[in-house]
Amino acid sequence: MGETPQQWKSSERHYTLTSSTFTKRELRQDELPTSIYTGQVVEPRWSRERLRNEAATLQFIASQTTIPVPQFLGLYEADGLLYLATKRASGVPLDEISGPQASSAINRVDEYMNEVVLPQVRGLRRRTTGSVDDSLPVIPPSRVTYRDKRSHWAQKFRRDEDFVFCHNDLGQQNIMVDPDTFDITAIIDWEFAGFFPPEFELALWKHHWSQTKDDAQTDRLIQILDSYDEQNVTSNVMEPTSTGFKSTVPMDDSCEPGL
């Protein structure tokens, strides 16, 4: 008898998990949620662009650092929907470690983040904000766009490489750990990753996701981002730096959902 994959969906994605792979895709129109206030269908912002961003980011992080991330398998389109497939990450999400073990797990993760992860991502620097894929728009983290509904975020430019690479959602739900040793096995969900001011990488892993909402802190991040000069759109501004990266993600229509 063949394997029966696990499938579920959120308000923005459909997920398929097998013993060896993990696939996320856009929602069909009939799967999208409806606002309880307006009765209108709620379309996810930058739905395709975020999947493309994660695909490019997974390859970038794997090639530039030793940070554990799921192995990228493919970005493809089927039936008009975009899919992102990776190998299944081992371990369990940090927020599933509960009881007396929780504090030990958080301390172990905090140690690893400060000794291994943060020094490496902070070493990835660029003069402009945005994705490692220069063809994509600037996609700020969801906590920012929840507070500020502007439709377009201008790319910012500095003469020096002041912007560092940020995951932008290092919450417990996105950190996979070994349930026995609490060692990090993978950092997942890089949809909002990109080059931003260093203040954007918050230590969200220290608390359960339900305790990390801080509107005053988010407003401060928006102020910091707006304080930078906007980029002049000229051909030489985006010259590759030591962390320049052009997405080479194949769009393979022959792949089947769920692999």
Protein backbone atom coordinates (compact mmCIF):
# COMPACT_ATOMS: atom_id res chain seq x y z
CA MET A 1 0.00 0.00 0.00
CA GLY A 2 1.34 3.41 -0.97
CA GLU A 3 2.12 6.17 1.46
CA THR A 4 -0.69 8.55 2.36
CA PRO A 5 0.75 12.09 2.59
CA GLN A 6 -0.33 14.54 5.25
CA GLN A 7 -2.13 17.56 3.81
CA TRP A 8 -3.40 20.76 5.42
CA LYS A 9 -3.80 24.42 4.62
CA SER A 10 -3.48 27.82 6.21
CA SER A 11 -5.09 31.08 5.14
CA GLU A 12 -2.34 31.48 2.51
CA ARG A 13 -0.87 28.08 1.62
CA HIS A 14 -1.65 24.42 1.00
CA TYR A 15 0.91 21.96 2.41
CA THR A 16 1.78 18.36 1.60
CA LEU A 17 4.15 16.34 3.81
CA THR A 18 5.48 12.89 2.94
CA SER A 19 8.14 10.78 4.62
CA SER A 20 10.81 12.45 2.49
CA THR A 21 9.43 15.70 1.01
CA PHE A 22 7.57 18.88 1.92
CA THR A 23 5.61 20.87 -0.65
CA LYS A 24 3.78 24.16 -0.31
CA ARG A 25 1.66 25.82 -2.97
CA GLU A 26 -0.58 28.77 -3.65
CA LEU A 27 -4.25 28.41 -2.78
CA ARG A 28 -6.86 27.98 -5.48
CA GLN A 29 -9.44 30.74 -5.72
CA ASP A 30 -12.05 28.56 -4.03
CA GLU A 31 -9.65 27.88 -1.13
CA LEU A 32 -9.02 31.53 -0.26
CA PRO A 33 -10.54 32.84 3.00
CA THR A 34 -13.27 35.46 3.17
CA SER A 35 -13.08 38.53 5.37
CA ILE A 36 -15.58 38.48 8.22
CA TYR A 37 -15.79 42.28 7.97
CA THR A 38 -16.26 42.84 4.23
CA GLY A 39 -17.27 39.43 2.90
CA GLN A 40 -14.56 39.84 0.26
CA VAL A 41 -12.05 37.16 -0.65
CA VAL A 42 -8.69 37.84 1.01
CA GLU A 43 -5.83 37.50 -1.47
CA PRO A 44 -2.38 36.82 0.06
CA ARG A 45 0.08 39.61 -0.67
CA TRP A 46 2.98 38.68 -2.95
CA SER A 47 1.87 35.05 -2.94
CA ARG A 48 3.94 33.95 -5.93
CA GLU A 49 6.79 36.33 -5.24
CA ARG A 50 7.24 34.93 -1.72
CA LEU A 51 7.53 31.36 -3.01
CA ARG A 52 10.07 32.52 -5.59
CA ASN A 53 11.90 34.39 -2.85
CA GLU A 54 12.08 31.32 -0.63
CA ALA A 55 13.31 29.15 -3.50
CA ALA A 56 16.12 31.58 -4.28
CA THR A 57 16.93 32.06 -0.58
CA LEU A 58 17.22 28.34 0.19
CA GLN A 59 19.83 27.99 -2.54
CA PHE A 60 21.61 31.15 -1.46
CA ILE A 61 21.86 30.18 2.21
CA ALA A 62 22.94 26.63 1.35
CA SER A 63 25.72 27.93 -0.89
CA GLN A 64 26.92 30.81 1.32
CA THR A 65 26.61 29.47 4.89
CA THR A 66 26.56 26.36 7.06
CA ILE A 67 23.10 27.19 8.41
CA PRO A 68 20.91 24.07 8.16
CA VAL A 69 18.02 24.57 5.73
CA PRO A 70 15.76 22.12 3.88
CA GLN A 71 17.27 20.96 0.61
CA PHE A 72 15.62 22.73 -2.31
CA LEU A 73 14.06 20.32 -4.83
CA GLY A 74 12.15 22.52 -7.22
CA LEU A 75 9.87 25.43 -8.01
CA TYR A 76 7.23 24.53 -10.58
CA GLU A 77 3.80 25.38 -11.86
CA ALA A 78 0.87 22.99 -12.19
CA ASP A 79 -2.74 23.83 -13.02
CA GLY A 80 -1.92 27.52 -12.79
CA LEU A 81 -0.56 27.26 -9.23
CA LEU A 82 3.04 27.72 -8.07
CA TYR A 83 4.60 24.96 -5.96
CA LEU A 84 7.79 24.91 -3.88
CA ALA A 85 9.24 21.50 -2.98
CA THR A 86 12.01 20.66 -0.51
CA LYS A 87 13.28 17.62 1.27
CA ARG A 88 11.52 17.04 4.58
CA ALA A 89 13.42 18.55 7.50
CA SER A 90 14.12 16.24 10.40
CA GLY A 91 13.20 17.03 14.00
CA VAL A 92 10.22 18.88 15.46
CA PRO A 93 9.35 22.58 15.68
CA LEU A 94 10.77 24.24 18.78
CA ASP A 95 7.29 25.26 19.91
CA GLU A 96 6.35 21.57 20.26
CA ILE A 97 8.89 21.11 23.06
CA SER A 98 6.83 21.73 26.16
CA GLY A 99 6.86 21.21 29.91
CA PRO A 100 10.11 21.26 31.91
CA GLN A 101 12.18 20.67 28.74
CA ALA A 102 11.05 23.86 27.05
CA SER A 103 13.48 26.22 28.78
CA SER A 104 16.43 23.92 28.09
CA ALA A 105 15.46 23.69 24.43
CA ILE A 106 15.14 27.47 24.11
CA ASN A 107 18.51 28.01 25.81
CA ARG A 108 20.18 25.52 23.46
CA VAL A 109 18.62 27.20 20.43
CA ASP A 110 19.58 30.66 21.70
CA GLU A 111 23.18 29.54 22.06
CA TYR A 112 23.26 28.15 18.51
CA MET A 113 21.57 31.20 17.04
CA ASN A 114 24.10 33.57 18.60
CA GLU A 115 27.16 31.44 17.91
CA VAL A 116 26.36 30.05 14.44
CA VAL A 117 23.33 31.53 12.68
CA LEU A 118 23.40 35.25 13.40
CA PRO A 119 27.14 35.78 12.75
CA GLN A 120 26.76 34.15 9.34
CA VAL A 121 23.64 35.99 8.15
CA ARG A 122 25.02 39.29 9.45
CA GLY A 123 28.09 38.64 7.36
CA LEU A 124 25.93 38.64 4.23
CA ARG A 125 25.67 42.32 3.37
CA ARG A 126 24.44 44.47 0.51
CA ARG A 127 23.90 48.11 -0.39
CA THR A 128 20.21 47.65 -1.26
CA THR A 129 17.16 46.22 0.49
CA GLY A 130 15.18 43.28 -0.84
CA SER A 131 15.45 39.71 -2.03
CA VAL A 132 18.54 37.84 -3.13
CA ASP A 133 16.67 37.61 -6.44
CA ASP A 134 16.91 41.13 -7.86
CA SER A 135 13.84 40.60 -10.07
CA LEU A 136 11.53 40.43 -7.04
CA PRO A 137 9.96 43.38 -5.19
CA VAL A 138 10.92 44.35 -1.65
CA ILE A 139 8.86 42.09 0.64
CA PRO A 140 8.99 43.26 4.28
CA PRO A 141 8.11 40.79 7.06
CA SER A 142 4.42 40.18 7.70
CA ARG A 143 4.46 42.00 11.06
CA VAL A 144 5.44 45.15 9.14
CA THR A 145 2.87 44.82 6.36
CA TYR A 146 0.15 44.06 8.91
CA ARG A 147 0.79 47.46 10.49
CA ASP A 148 1.52 49.40 7.29
CA LYS A 149 -0.73 48.59 4.32
CA ARG A 150 1.18 50.46 1.61
CA SER A 151 1.06 48.57 -1.70
CA HIS A 152 4.68 49.21 -2.65
CA TRP A 153 7.85 49.30 -0.59
CA ALA A 154 10.60 51.27 -2.28
CA GLN A 155 14.02 49.71 -2.45
CA LYS A 156 16.50 51.53 -0.22
CA PHE A 157 20.09 52.31 -1.13
CA ARG A 158 23.24 53.02 0.87
CA ARG A 159 26.75 53.79 -0.31
CA ASP A 160 28.10 51.17 2.08
CA GLU A 161 26.85 47.60 2.58
CA ASP A 162 24.66 48.52 5.54
CA PHE A 163 21.86 46.01 4.92
CA VAL A 164 22.28 42.50 6.31
CA PHE A 165 20.52 39.31 5.39
CA CYS A 166 17.53 38.57 7.65
CA HIS A 167 15.22 35.57 7.88
CA ASN A 168 12.57 37.96 9.29
CA ASP A 169 10.53 35.30 11.09
CA LEU A 170 12.82 33.31 13.38
CA GLY A 171 9.96 32.20 15.59
CA GLN A 172 9.82 28.88 17.40
CA GLN A 173 7.50 27.46 14.73
CA ASN A 174 10.21 27.92 12.09
CA ILE A 175 13.09 26.31 13.99
CA MET A 176 13.30 22.52 13.77
CA VAL A 177 15.20 20.79 16.58
CA ASP A 178 16.23 17.29 17.59
CA PRO A 179 13.70 16.35 20.29
CA ASP A 180 16.41 14.71 22.42
CA THR A 181 19.43 17.02 22.11
CA PHE A 182 17.58 20.24 21.07
CA ASP A 183 20.20 20.82 18.38
CA ILE A 184 18.82 22.78 15.43
CA THR A 185 18.19 20.47 12.47
CA ALA A 186 16.77 23.08 10.08
CA ILE A 187 15.49 26.63 9.84
CA ILE A 188 12.42 26.73 7.62
CA ASP A 189 9.98 29.18 6.00
CA TRP A 190 12.22 31.77 4.33
CA GLU A 191 9.41 33.48 2.35
CA PHE A 192 10.06 36.92 3.88
CA ALA A 193 13.85 36.73 3.93
CA GLY A 194 16.02 39.42 2.39
CA PHE A 195 18.43 42.26 2.98
CA PHE A 196 17.16 44.73 5.57
CA PRO A 197 18.46 46.90 8.42
CA PRO A 198 20.01 44.64 11.10
CA GLU A 199 17.29 45.61 13.60
CA PHE A 200 14.80 43.55 11.58
CA GLU A 201 16.16 40.20 12.82
CA LEU A 202 14.30 39.86 16.12
CA ALA A 203 15.04 37.11 18.66
CA LEU A 204 11.56 35.62 18.27
CA TRP A 205 12.76 32.13 19.22
CA LYS A 206 12.89 33.10 22.89
CA HIS A 207 9.11 33.15 23.27
CA HIS A 208 6.08 31.31 21.93
CA TRP A 209 4.72 32.97 18.79
CA SER A 210 1.61 34.09 20.67
CA GLN A 211 3.81 36.26 22.91
CA THR A 212 5.88 37.99 20.21
CA LYS A 213 3.42 40.62 18.97
CA ASP A 214 4.77 44.09 19.76
CA ASP A 215 3.20 46.90 17.73
CA ALA A 216 5.49 49.59 19.15
CA GLN A 217 8.54 47.57 18.15
CA THR A 218 7.10 47.01 14.66
CA ASP A 219 6.39 50.71 14.25
CA ARG A 220 10.02 51.37 15.11
CA LEU A 221 11.13 48.96 12.37
CA ILE A 222 8.98 50.83 9.86
CA GLN A 223 10.53 54.13 10.95
CA ILE A 224 14.03 52.69 10.58
CA LEU A 225 13.30 51.39 7.09
CA ASP A 226 11.75 54.68 5.99
CA SER A 227 14.76 56.61 7.28
CA TYR A 228 16.98 55.25 4.49
CA ASP A 229 17.29 56.92 1.12
CA GLU A 230 15.35 55.45 -1.76
CA GLN A 231 17.36 53.84 -4.50
CA ASN A 232 17.82 55.68 -7.77
CA VAL A 233 16.94 53.20 -10.47
CA THR A 234 20.18 53.14 -12.47
CA SER A 235 21.95 50.29 -14.13
CA ASN A 236 25.04 50.43 -11.93
CA VAL A 237 23.31 50.46 -8.54
CA MET A 238 22.64 46.74 -8.57
CA GLU A 239 26.12 45.67 -9.57
CA PRO A 240 26.82 42.35 -7.84
CA THR A 241 28.58 42.55 -4.50
CA SER A 242 30.12 39.68 -2.57
CA THR A 243 26.57 38.53 -1.81
CA GLY A 244 24.99 39.30 -5.16
CA PHE A 245 22.73 36.50 -6.41
CA LYS A 246 20.54 35.97 -9.43
CA SER A 247 17.87 33.33 -9.15
CA THR A 248 18.43 30.33 -11.39
CA VAL A 249 15.44 28.41 -10.05
CA PRO A 250 14.06 26.17 -12.79
CA MET A 251 10.36 26.31 -13.52
CA ASP A 252 9.67 22.69 -14.33
CA ASP A 253 6.09 22.09 -15.44
CA SER A 254 6.74 18.35 -15.64
CA CYS A 255 7.01 17.91 -11.85
CA GLU A 256 4.02 16.47 -10.06
CA PRO A 257 2.64 18.01 -6.85
CA GLY A 258 3.92 16.14 -3.80
CA LEU A 259 6.73 14.71 -5.89
